[in-house]
Amino acid sequence: VTGVSDTVLISEFGNDGCMGYIQKPFQPPDLIGLVGRFLQQTEKEVE
């Protein structure tokens, strides 16, 4: 979760093991949707 809009820094997220990001400010449904999709994706990868 970040308030930073620096595209170079954002590109580092993936290099450092981060699977995704959401920029502040956002609405709660956006966060819940992203978390839900991400957890479903990680469960499928484990299977």
All heavy atoms as atom14 arrays in JSON, in Angstrom:
{
  "sequence": "VTGVSDTVLISEFGNDGCMGYIQKPFQPPDLIGLVGRFLQQTEKEVE",
  "atom14_mask": [
    [1, 1, 1, 1, 1, 1, 1, 0, 0, 0, 0, 0, 0, 0],
    [1, 1, 1, 1, 1, 1, 1, 0, 0, 0, 0, 0, 0, 0],
    [1, 1, 1, 1, 0, 0, 0, 0, 0, 0, 0, 0, 0, 0],
    [1, 1, 1, 1, 1, 1, 1, 0, 0, 0, 0, 0, 0, 0],
    [1, 1, 1, 1, 1, 1, 0, 0, 0, 0, 0, 0, 0, 0],
    [1, 1, 1, 1, 1, 1, 1, 1, 0, 0, 0, 0, 0, 0],
    [1, 1, 1, 1, 1, 1, 1, 0, 0, 0, 0, 0, 0, 0],
    [1, 1, 1, 1, 1, 1, 1, 0, 0, 0, 0, 0, 0, 0],
    [1, 1, 1, 1, 1, 1, 1, 1, 0, 0, 0, 0, 0, 0],
    [1, 1, 1, 1, 1, 1, 1, 1, 0, 0, 0, 0, 0, 0],
    [1, 1, 1, 1, 1, 1, 0, 0, 0, 0, 0, 0, 0, 0],
    [1, 1, 1, 1, 1, 1, 1, 1, 1, 0, 0, 0, 0, 0],
    [1, 1, 1, 1, 1, 1, 1, 1, 1, 1, 1, 0, 0, 0],
    [1, 1, 1, 1, 0, 0, 0, 0, 0, 0, 0, 0, 0, 0],
    [1, 1, 1, 1, 1, 1, 1, 1, 0, 0, 0, 0, 0, 0],
    [1, 1, 1, 1, 1, 1, 1, 1, 0, 0, 0, 0, 0, 0],
    [1, 1, 1, 1, 0, 0, 0, 0, 0, 0, 0, 0, 0, 0],
    [1, 1, 1, 1, 1, 1, 0, 0, 0, 0, 0, 0, 0, 0],
    [1, 1, 1, 1, 1, 1, 1, 1, 0, 0, 0, 0, 0, 0],
    [1, 1, 1, 1, 0, 0, 0, 0, 0, 0, 0, 0, 0, 0],
    [1, 1, 1, 1, 1, 1, 1, 1, 1, 1, 1, 1, 0, 0],
    [1, 1, 1, 1, 1, 1, 1, 1, 0, 0, 0, 0, 0, 0],
    [1, 1, 1, 1, 1, 1, 1, 1, 1, 0, 0, 0, 0, 0],
    [1, 1, 1, 1, 1, 1, 1, 1, 1, 0, 0, 0, 0, 0],
    [1, 1, 1, 1, 1, 1, 1, 0, 0, 0, 0, 0, 0, 0],
    [1, 1, 1, 1, 1, 1, 1, 1, 1, 1, 1, 0, 0, 0],
    [1, 1, 1, 1, 1, 1, 1, 1, 1, 0, 0, 0, 0, 0],
    [1, 1, 1, 1, 1, 1, 1, 0, 0, 0, 0, 0, 0, 0],
    [1, 1, 1, 1, 1, 1, 1, 0, 0, 0, 0, 0, 0, 0],
    [1, 1, 1, 1, 1, 1, 1, 1, 0, 0, 0, 0, 0, 0],
    [1, 1, 1, 1, 1, 1, 1, 1, 0, 0, 0, 0, 0, 0],
    [1, 1, 1, 1, 1, 1, 1, 1, 0, 0, 0, 0, 0, 0],
    [1, 1, 1, 1, 0, 0, 0, 0, 0, 0, 0, 0, 0, 0],
    [1, 1, 1, 1, 1, 1, 1, 1, 0, 0, 0, 0, 0, 0],
    [1, 1, 1, 1, 1, 1, 1, 0, 0, 0, 0, 0, 0, 0],
    [1, 1, 1, 1, 0, 0, 0, 0, 0, 0, 0, 0, 0, 0],
    [1, 1, 1, 1, 1, 1, 1, 1, 1, 1, 1, 0, 0, 0],
    [1, 1, 1, 1, 1, 1, 1, 1, 1, 1, 1, 0, 0, 0],
    [1, 1, 1, 1, 1, 1, 1, 1, 0, 0, 0, 0, 0, 0],
    [1, 1, 1, 1, 1, 1, 1, 1, 1, 0, 0, 0, 0, 0],
    [1, 1, 1, 1, 1, 1, 1, 1, 1, 0, 0, 0, 0, 0],
    [1, 1, 1, 1, 1, 1, 1, 0, 0, 0, 0, 0, 0, 0],
    [1, 1, 1, 1, 1, 1, 1, 1, 1, 0, 0, 0, 0, 0],
    [1, 1, 1, 1, 1, 1, 1, 1, 1, 0, 0, 0, 0, 0],
    [1, 1, 1, 1, 1, 1, 1, 1, 1, 0, 0, 0, 0, 0],
    [1, 1, 1, 1, 1, 1, 1, 0, 0, 0, 0, 0, 0, 0],
    [1, 1, 1, 1, 1, 1, 1, 1, 1, 0, 0, 0, 0, 0]
  ],
  "atom14_positions": [
    [[0.88, -1.16, 0.0], [0.0, 0.0, 0.0], [0.92, 1.2, 0.0], [1.82, 1.3, 0.83], [-0.87, 0.03, 1.27], [-1.73, 1.27, 1.29], [-1.71, -1.22, 1.39], [0.0, 0.0, 0.0], [0.0, 0.0, 0.0], [0.0, 0.0, 0.0], [0.0, 0.0, 0.0], [0.0, 0.0, 0.0], [0.0, 0.0, 0.0], [0.0, 0.0, 0.0]],
    [[0.72, 2.12, -0.94], [1.65, 3.24, -1.01], [0.99, 4.52, -1.47], [0.05, 4.49, -2.25], [2.84, 2.92, -1.94], [3.77, 3.98, -1.89], [2.4, 2.65, -3.36], [0.0, 0.0, 0.0], [0.0, 0.0, 0.0], [0.0, 0.0, 0.0], [0.0, 0.0, 0.0], [0.0, 0.0, 0.0], [0.0, 0.0, 0.0], [0.0, 0.0, 0.0]],
    [[1.5, 5.62, -0.98], [1.1, 6.92, -1.46], [2.09, 7.44, -2.47], [1.9, 8.5, -3.06], [0.0, 0.0, 0.0], [0.0, 0.0, 0.0], [0.0, 0.0, 0.0], [0.0, 0.0, 0.0], [0.0, 0.0, 0.0], [0.0, 0.0, 0.0], [0.0, 0.0, 0.0], [0.0, 0.0, 0.0], [0.0, 0.0, 0.0], [0.0, 0.0, 0.0]],
    [[3.14, 6.69, -2.71], [4.2, 7.07, -3.64], [3.73, 6.81, -5.07], [3.19, 5.75, -5.37], [5.48, 6.26, -3.35], [6.55, 6.55, -4.38], [5.98, 6.55, -1.95], [0.0, 0.0, 0.0], [0.0, 0.0, 0.0], [0.0, 0.0, 0.0], [0.0, 0.0, 0.0], [0.0, 0.0, 0.0], [0.0, 0.0, 0.0], [0.0, 0.0, 0.0]],
    [[3.95, 7.78, -5.94], [3.56, 7.59, -7.34], [4.79, 7.5, -8.25], [4.67, 7.58, -9.45], [2.65, 8.72, -7.79], [3.3, 9.96, -7.67], [0.0, 0.0, 0.0], [0.0, 0.0, 0.0], [0.0, 0.0, 0.0], [0.0, 0.0, 0.0], [0.0, 0.0, 0.0], [0.0, 0.0, 0.0], [0.0, 0.0, 0.0], [0.0, 0.0, 0.0]],
    [[5.95, 7.3, -7.66], [7.21, 7.2, -8.39], [7.25, 5.85, -9.13], [7.32, 4.79, -8.51], [8.36, 7.31, -7.4], [9.73, 7.27, -8.04], [9.87, 6.72, -9.16], [10.67, 7.76, -7.41], [0.0, 0.0, 0.0], [0.0, 0.0, 0.0], [0.0, 0.0, 0.0], [0.0, 0.0, 0.0], [0.0, 0.0, 0.0], [0.0, 0.0, 0.0]],
    [[7.24, 5.89, -10.47], [7.19, 4.65, -11.24], [8.45, 3.81, -11.07], [8.39, 2.59, -11.16], [6.95, 4.93, -12.74], [7.95, 5.85, -13.21], [5.57, 5.52, -12.97], [0.0, 0.0, 0.0], [0.0, 0.0, 0.0], [0.0, 0.0, 0.0], [0.0, 0.0, 0.0], [0.0, 0.0, 0.0], [0.0, 0.0, 0.0], [0.0, 0.0, 0.0]],
    [[9.6, 4.44, -10.82], [10.83, 3.68, -10.6], [10.72, 2.89, -9.3], [11.03, 1.7, -9.24], [12.07, 4.61, -10.58], [13.31, 3.85, -10.19], [12.25, 5.28, -11.93], [0.0, 0.0, 0.0], [0.0, 0.0, 0.0], [0.0, 0.0, 0.0], [0.0, 0.0, 0.0], [0.0, 0.0, 0.0], [0.0, 0.0, 0.0], [0.0, 0.0, 0.0]],
    [[10.23, 3.55, -8.24], [10.05, 2.86, -6.96], [9.02, 1.75, -7.09], [9.22, 0.64, -6.59], [9.64, 3.84, -5.87], [9.46, 3.27, -4.47], [10.75, 2.61, -3.97], [9.01, 4.35, -3.51], [0.0, 0.0, 0.0], [0.0, 0.0, 0.0], [0.0, 0.0, 0.0], [0.0, 0.0, 0.0], [0.0, 0.0, 0.0], [0.0, 0.0, 0.0]],
    [[7.93, 2.02, -7.78], [6.9, 1.0, -7.96], [7.45, -0.2, -8.69], [7.14, -1.35, -8.35], [5.66, 1.6, -8.68], [4.93, 2.55, -7.72], [4.73, 0.51, -9.17], [3.82, 3.36, -8.35], [0.0, 0.0, 0.0], [0.0, 0.0, 0.0], [0.0, 0.0, 0.0], [0.0, 0.0, 0.0], [0.0, 0.0, 0.0], [0.0, 0.0, 0.0]],
    [[8.32, 0.0, -9.67], [8.91, -1.14, -10.39], [9.79, -1.97, -9.47], [9.96, -3.17, -9.68], [9.7, -0.66, -11.61], [10.88, 0.01, -11.21], [0.0, 0.0, 0.0], [0.0, 0.0, 0.0], [0.0, 0.0, 0.0], [0.0, 0.0, 0.0], [0.0, 0.0, 0.0], [0.0, 0.0, 0.0], [0.0, 0.0, 0.0], [0.0, 0.0, 0.0]],
    [[10.35, -1.36, -8.42], [11.18, -2.09, -7.47], [10.35, -3.07, -6.63], [10.88, -4.05, -6.13], [11.91, -1.13, -6.52], [13.05, -0.39, -7.17], [13.76, 0.51, -6.17], [13.86, 0.12, -4.99], [14.2, 1.58, -6.58], [0.0, 0.0, 0.0], [0.0, 0.0, 0.0], [0.0, 0.0, 0.0], [0.0, 0.0, 0.0], [0.0, 0.0, 0.0]],
    [[9.05, -2.78, -6.46], [8.21, -3.64, -5.64], [8.3, -5.09, -6.12], [8.49, -6.01, -5.34], [6.75, -3.2, -5.66], [6.48, -1.83, -5.1], [5.27, -1.22, -5.35], [7.42, -1.14, -4.35], [4.99, 0.04, -4.84], [7.15, 0.13, -3.84], [5.93, 0.71, -4.09], [0.0, 0.0, 0.0], [0.0, 0.0, 0.0], [0.0, 0.0, 0.0]],
    [[8.14, -5.29, -7.44], [8.19, -6.64, -8.0], [9.55, -7.27, -7.84], [9.67, -8.46, -7.57], [0.0, 0.0, 0.0], [0.0, 0.0, 0.0], [0.0, 0.0, 0.0], [0.0, 0.0, 0.0], [0.0, 0.0, 0.0], [0.0, 0.0, 0.0], [0.0, 0.0, 0.0], [0.0, 0.0, 0.0], [0.0, 0.0, 0.0], [0.0, 0.0, 0.0]],
    [[10.6, -6.49, -7.97], [11.96, -7.0, -7.81], [12.23, -7.44, -6.38], [13.09, -8.27, -6.13], [12.98, -5.94, -8.21], [12.89, -5.56, -9.67], [12.39, -6.32, -10.49], [13.36, -4.37, -10.01], [0.0, 0.0, 0.0], [0.0, 0.0, 0.0], [0.0, 0.0, 0.0], [0.0, 0.0, 0.0], [0.0, 0.0, 0.0], [0.0, 0.0, 0.0]],
    [[11.52, -6.84, -5.43], [11.75, -7.15, -4.03], [10.8, -8.21, -3.49], [10.72, -8.41, -2.28], [11.62, -5.87, -3.19], [12.79, -4.93, -3.43], [13.88, -5.42, -3.76], [12.6, -3.71, -3.3], [0.0, 0.0, 0.0], [0.0, 0.0, 0.0], [0.0, 0.0, 0.0], [0.0, 0.0, 0.0], [0.0, 0.0, 0.0], [0.0, 0.0, 0.0]],
    [[10.04, -8.86, -4.34], [9.19, -9.95, -3.89], [7.75, -9.57, -3.65], [6.97, -10.39, -3.18], [0.0, 0.0, 0.0], [0.0, 0.0, 0.0], [0.0, 0.0, 0.0], [0.0, 0.0, 0.0], [0.0, 0.0, 0.0], [0.0, 0.0, 0.0], [0.0, 0.0, 0.0], [0.0, 0.0, 0.0], [0.0, 0.0, 0.0], [0.0, 0.0, 0.0]],
    [[7.39, -8.36, -3.96], [6.01, -7.92, -3.78], [5.19, -8.38, -4.98], [5.62, -8.26, -6.12], [5.98, -6.4, -3.66], [4.32, -5.75, -3.61], [0.0, 0.0, 0.0], [0.0, 0.0, 0.0], [0.0, 0.0, 0.0], [0.0, 0.0, 0.0], [0.0, 0.0, 0.0], [0.0, 0.0, 0.0], [0.0, 0.0, 0.0], [0.0, 0.0, 0.0]],
    [[4.0, -8.89, -4.71], [3.18, -9.45, -5.77], [2.2, -8.43, -6.37], [1.57, -8.7, -7.37], [2.4, -10.65, -5.24], [3.29, -11.73, -4.64], [4.52, -12.38, -5.77], [3.48, -13.36, -6.82], [0.0, 0.0, 0.0], [0.0, 0.0, 0.0], [0.0, 0.0, 0.0], [0.0, 0.0, 0.0], [0.0, 0.0, 0.0], [0.0, 0.0, 0.0]],
    [[2.04, -7.28, -5.72], [1.12, -6.27, -6.22], [1.09, -5.08, -5.3], [1.7, -5.08, -4.24], [0.0, 0.0, 0.0], [0.0, 0.0, 0.0], [0.0, 0.0, 0.0], [0.0, 0.0, 0.0], [0.0, 0.0, 0.0], [0.0, 0.0, 0.0], [0.0, 0.0, 0.0], [0.0, 0.0, 0.0], [0.0, 0.0, 0.0], [0.0, 0.0, 0.0]],
    [[0.39, -4.04, -5.74], [0.31, -2.84, -4.93], [-1.0, -2.12, -5.19], [-1.67, -2.35, -6.2], [1.49, -1.9, -5.2], [1.43, -1.22, -6.54], [0.9, 0.06, -6.66], [1.92, -1.86, -7.68], [0.83, 0.68, -7.89], [1.86, -1.24, -8.91], [1.31, 0.03, -9.01], [1.25, 0.63, -10.23], [0.0, 0.0, 0.0], [0.0, 0.0, 0.0]],
    [[-1.34, -1.23, -4.26], [-2.49, -0.34, -4.41], [-2.04, 1.03, -3.93], [-1.36, 1.14, -2.91], [-3.74, -0.86, -3.65], [-4.96, 0.01, -3.95], [-3.46, -0.97, -2.16], [-6.28, -0.61, -3.46], [0.0, 0.0, 0.0], [0.0, 0.0, 0.0], [0.0, 0.0, 0.0], [0.0, 0.0, 0.0], [0.0, 0.0, 0.0], [0.0, 0.0, 0.0]],
    [[-2.38, 2.05, -4.7], [-1.97, 3.4, -4.35], [-3.02, 4.1, -3.52], [-4.22, 4.01, -3.8], [-1.69, 4.22, -5.61], [-0.32, 3.93, -6.19], [0.05, 4.9, -7.27], [-0.37, 4.73, -8.4], [0.84, 5.9, -6.92], [0.0, 0.0, 0.0], [0.0, 0.0, 0.0], [0.0, 0.0, 0.0], [0.0, 0.0, 0.0], [0.0, 0.0, 0.0]],
    [[-2.56, 4.8, -2.47], [-3.43, 5.64, -1.66], [-3.71, 6.92, -2.44], [-2.84, 7.37, -3.17], [-2.75, 6.02, -0.35], [-2.46, 4.88, 0.58], [-1.7, 5.42, 1.79], [-1.25, 4.33, 2.73], [-0.44, 4.86, 3.84], [0.0, 0.0, 0.0], [0.0, 0.0, 0.0], [0.0, 0.0, 0.0], [0.0, 0.0, 0.0], [0.0, 0.0, 0.0]],
    [[-4.84, 7.54, -2.31], [-6.0, 7.07, -1.55], [-6.82, 6.1, -2.4], [-6.78, 6.13, -3.62], [-6.78, 8.36, -1.29], [-6.47, 9.22, -2.48], [-5.06, 8.87, -2.87], [0.0, 0.0, 0.0], [0.0, 0.0, 0.0], [0.0, 0.0, 0.0], [0.0, 0.0, 0.0], [0.0, 0.0, 0.0], [0.0, 0.0, 0.0], [0.0, 0.0, 0.0]],
    [[-7.55, 5.24, -1.74], [-8.43, 4.29, -2.42], [-9.65, 4.08, -1.54], [-9.66, 4.42, -0.36], [-7.73, 2.96, -2.71], [-7.06, 2.37, -1.5], [-7.78, 1.64, -0.57], [-5.7, 2.54, -1.28], [-7.17, 1.11, 0.54], [-5.08, 2.01, -0.17], [-5.82, 1.29, 0.75], [0.0, 0.0, 0.0], [0.0, 0.0, 0.0], [0.0, 0.0, 0.0]],
    [[-10.65, 3.47, -2.12], [-11.88, 3.17, -1.38], [-11.78, 1.77, -0.78], [-11.15, 0.88, -1.38], [-13.1, 3.26, -2.32], [-13.34, 4.66, -2.86], [-13.62, 5.64, -1.75], [-14.45, 5.42, -0.89], [-12.9, 6.76, -1.77], [0.0, 0.0, 0.0], [0.0, 0.0, 0.0], [0.0, 0.0, 0.0], [0.0, 0.0, 0.0], [0.0, 0.0, 0.0]],
    [[-12.39, 1.54, 0.38], [-12.33, 0.22, 1.0], [-12.7, -0.94, 0.07], [-12.02, -1.97, 0.08], [-13.29, 0.33, 2.19], [-13.22, 1.78, 2.56], [-13.1, 2.51, 1.24], [0.0, 0.0, 0.0], [0.0, 0.0, 0.0], [0.0, 0.0, 0.0], [0.0, 0.0, 0.0], [0.0, 0.0, 0.0], [0.0, 0.0, 0.0], [0.0, 0.0, 0.0]],
    [[-13.75, -0.81, -0.78], [-14.05, -1.93, -1.68], [-12.9, -2.27, -2.64], [-12.72, -3.43, -3.01], [-15.28, -1.46, -2.47], [-15.92, -0.44, -1.58], [-14.78, 0.24, -0.87], [0.0, 0.0, 0.0], [0.0, 0.0, 0.0], [0.0, 0.0, 0.0], [0.0, 0.0, 0.0], [0.0, 0.0, 0.0], [0.0, 0.0, 0.0], [0.0, 0.0, 0.0]],
    [[-12.1, -1.26, -3.01], [-10.95, -1.52, -3.88], [-9.91, -2.38, -3.16], [-9.36, -3.31, -3.73], [-10.3, -0.2, -4.33], [-11.23, 0.65, -5.18], [-12.12, 0.08, -5.86], [-11.09, 1.89, -5.14], [0.0, 0.0, 0.0], [0.0, 0.0, 0.0], [0.0, 0.0, 0.0], [0.0, 0.0, 0.0], [0.0, 0.0, 0.0], [0.0, 0.0, 0.0]],
    [[-9.66, -2.04, -1.89], [-8.7, -2.83, -1.09], [-9.21, -4.25, -0.88], [-8.48, -5.21, -1.09], [-8.46, -2.15, 0.26], [-7.54, -2.91, 1.23], [-6.14, -3.03, 0.65], [-7.52, -2.21, 2.58], [0.0, 0.0, 0.0], [0.0, 0.0, 0.0], [0.0, 0.0, 0.0], [0.0, 0.0, 0.0], [0.0, 0.0, 0.0], [0.0, 0.0, 0.0]],
    [[-10.47, -4.37, -0.51], [-11.04, -5.7, -0.26], [-11.02, -6.54, -1.53], [-10.68, -7.73, -1.48], [-12.48, -5.56, 0.3], [-12.41, -4.93, 1.7], [-13.2, -6.9, 0.33], [-13.74, -4.41, 2.2], [0.0, 0.0, 0.0], [0.0, 0.0, 0.0], [0.0, 0.0, 0.0], [0.0, 0.0, 0.0], [0.0, 0.0, 0.0], [0.0, 0.0, 0.0]],
    [[-11.34, -5.94, -2.65], [-11.31, -6.67, -3.92], [-9.91, -7.14, -4.28], [-9.72, -8.29, -4.69], [0.0, 0.0, 0.0], [0.0, 0.0, 0.0], [0.0, 0.0, 0.0], [0.0, 0.0, 0.0], [0.0, 0.0, 0.0], [0.0, 0.0, 0.0], [0.0, 0.0, 0.0], [0.0, 0.0, 0.0], [0.0, 0.0, 0.0], [0.0, 0.0, 0.0]],
    [[-8.93, -6.26, -4.13], [-7.54, -6.62, -4.44], [-7.06, -7.74, -3.52], [-6.48, -8.73, -3.99], [-6.63, -5.41, -4.31], [-5.14, -5.68, -4.54], [-4.89, -6.09, -5.99], [-4.31, -4.46, -4.17], [0.0, 0.0, 0.0], [0.0, 0.0, 0.0], [0.0, 0.0, 0.0], [0.0, 0.0, 0.0], [0.0, 0.0, 0.0], [0.0, 0.0, 0.0]],
    [[-7.32, -7.62, -2.23], [-6.89, -8.65, -1.28], [-7.57, -9.98, -1.61], [-6.9, -11.02, -1.64], [-7.19, -8.2, 0.17], [-7.07, -9.37, 1.15], [-6.27, -7.06, 0.58], [0.0, 0.0, 0.0], [0.0, 0.0, 0.0], [0.0, 0.0, 0.0], [0.0, 0.0, 0.0], [0.0, 0.0, 0.0], [0.0, 0.0, 0.0], [0.0, 0.0, 0.0]],
    [[-8.85, -9.96, -1.89], [-9.56, -11.2, -2.22], [-9.01, -11.87, -3.46], [-8.77, -13.08, -3.48], [0.0, 0.0, 0.0], [0.0, 0.0, 0.0], [0.0, 0.0, 0.0], [0.0, 0.0, 0.0], [0.0, 0.0, 0.0], [0.0, 0.0, 0.0], [0.0, 0.0, 0.0], [0.0, 0.0, 0.0], [0.0, 0.0, 0.0], [0.0, 0.0, 0.0]],
    [[-8.8, -11.09, -4.52], [-8.24, -11.65, -5.76], [-6.83, -12.2, -5.53], [-6.49, -13.28, -6.01], [-8.22, -10.6, -6.87], [-9.58, -10.25, -7.43], [-9.5, -9.34, -8.64], [-8.8, -8.09, -8.4], [-9.34, -6.99, -7.89], [-10.61, -7.0, -7.52], [-8.61, -5.89, -7.73], [0.0, 0.0, 0.0], [0.0, 0.0, 0.0], [0.0, 0.0, 0.0]],
    [[-6.04, -11.47, -4.79], [-4.67, -11.89, -4.52], [-4.63, -13.19, -3.72], [-3.87, -14.1, -4.05], [-3.93, -10.78, -3.78], [-2.5, -11.12, -3.5], [-1.55, -11.05, -4.49], [-2.11, -11.53, -2.24], [-0.23, -11.38, -4.25], [-0.8, -11.85, -1.97], [0.15, -11.78, -2.98], [0.0, 0.0, 0.0], [0.0, 0.0, 0.0], [0.0, 0.0, 0.0]],
    [[-5.45, -13.28, -2.68], [-5.46, -14.51, -1.87], [-5.96, -15.7, -2.67], [-5.45, -16.81, -2.51], [-6.28, -14.3, -0.6], [-5.63, -13.4, 0.44], [-6.6, -13.07, 1.57], [-4.35, -14.02, 0.99], [0.0, 0.0, 0.0], [0.0, 0.0, 0.0], [0.0, 0.0, 0.0], [0.0, 0.0, 0.0], [0.0, 0.0, 0.0], [0.0, 0.0, 0.0]],
    [[-6.94, -15.49, -3.55], [-7.4, -16.58, -4.42], [-6.27, -17.02, -5.34], [-6.06, -18.22, -5.56], [-8.6, -16.15, -5.26], [-9.89, -16.13, -4.49], [-11.06, -15.71, -5.38], [-10.9, -14.99, -6.37], [-12.24, -16.16, -5.02], [0.0, 0.0, 0.0], [0.0, 0.0, 0.0], [0.0, 0.0, 0.0], [0.0, 0.0, 0.0], [0.0, 0.0, 0.0]],
    [[-5.55, -16.08, -5.89], [-4.43, -16.39, -6.8], [-3.35, -17.17, -6.05], [-2.83, -18.16, -6.58], [-3.84, -15.1, -7.35], [-2.63, -15.31, -8.23], [-2.0, -13.99, -8.65], [-2.62, -12.93, -8.59], [-0.75, -14.06, -9.08], [0.0, 0.0, 0.0], [0.0, 0.0, 0.0], [0.0, 0.0, 0.0], [0.0, 0.0, 0.0], [0.0, 0.0, 0.0]],
    [[-2.99, -16.76, -4.85], [-1.94, -17.46, -4.12], [-2.39, -18.85, -3.71], [-1.58, -19.77, -3.69], [-1.47, -16.66, -2.88], [-2.57, -16.4, -2.02], [-0.79, -15.37, -3.28], [0.0, 0.0, 0.0], [0.0, 0.0, 0.0], [0.0, 0.0, 0.0], [0.0, 0.0, 0.0], [0.0, 0.0, 0.0], [0.0, 0.0, 0.0], [0.0, 0.0, 0.0]],
    [[-3.69, -19.02, -3.42], [-4.18, -20.37, -3.09], [-4.07, -21.29, -4.29], [-3.71, -22.45, -4.17], [-5.65, -20.29, -2.65], [-5.82, -19.81, -1.24], [-7.28, -19.7, -0.85], [-8.18, -19.97, -1.69], [-7.53, -19.34, 0.31], [0.0, 0.0, 0.0], [0.0, 0.0, 0.0], [0.0, 0.0, 0.0], [0.0, 0.0, 0.0], [0.0, 0.0, 0.0]],
    [[-4.4, -20.78, -5.49], [-4.31, -21.6, -6.71], [-2.86, -21.99, -6.97], [-2.6, -23.1, -7.39], [-4.89, -20.83, -7.9], [-6.39, -20.73, -7.86], [-6.92, -19.95, -9.04], [-8.43, -19.81, -8.93], [-8.97, -18.98, -9.99], [0.0, 0.0, 0.0], [0.0, 0.0, 0.0], [0.0, 0.0, 0.0], [0.0, 0.0, 0.0], [0.0, 0.0, 0.0]],
    [[-1.93, -21.07, -6.74], [-0.51, -21.38, -6.96], [-0.03, -22.45, -6.0], [0.77, -23.3, -6.38], [0.33, -20.11, -6.81], [0.12, -19.14, -7.95], [0.79, -17.8, -7.72], [1.46, -17.62, -6.7], [0.62, -16.92, -8.59], [0.0, 0.0, 0.0], [0.0, 0.0, 0.0], [0.0, 0.0, 0.0], [0.0, 0.0, 0.0], [0.0, 0.0, 0.0]],
    [[-0.52, -22.44, -4.77], [-0.13, -23.46, -3.79], [-0.66, -24.81, -4.18], [-0.02, -25.83, -3.99], [-0.62, -23.04, -2.38], [-0.46, -24.19, -1.39], [0.12, -21.82, -1.89], [0.0, 0.0, 0.0], [0.0, 0.0, 0.0], [0.0, 0.0, 0.0], [0.0, 0.0, 0.0], [0.0, 0.0, 0.0], [0.0, 0.0, 0.0], [0.0, 0.0, 0.0]],
    [[-1.87, -24.86, -4.78], [-2.49, -26.12, -5.18], [-1.76, -26.78, -6.33], [-1.82, -27.98, -6.49], [-3.95, -25.87, -5.58], [-4.84, -25.52, -4.41], [-6.25, -25.13, -4.86], [-6.53, -25.2, -6.07], [-7.06, -24.78, -3.99], [0.0, 0.0, 0.0], [0.0, 0.0, 0.0], [0.0, 0.0, 0.0], [0.0, 0.0, 0.0], [0.0, 0.0, 0.0]]
  ]
}
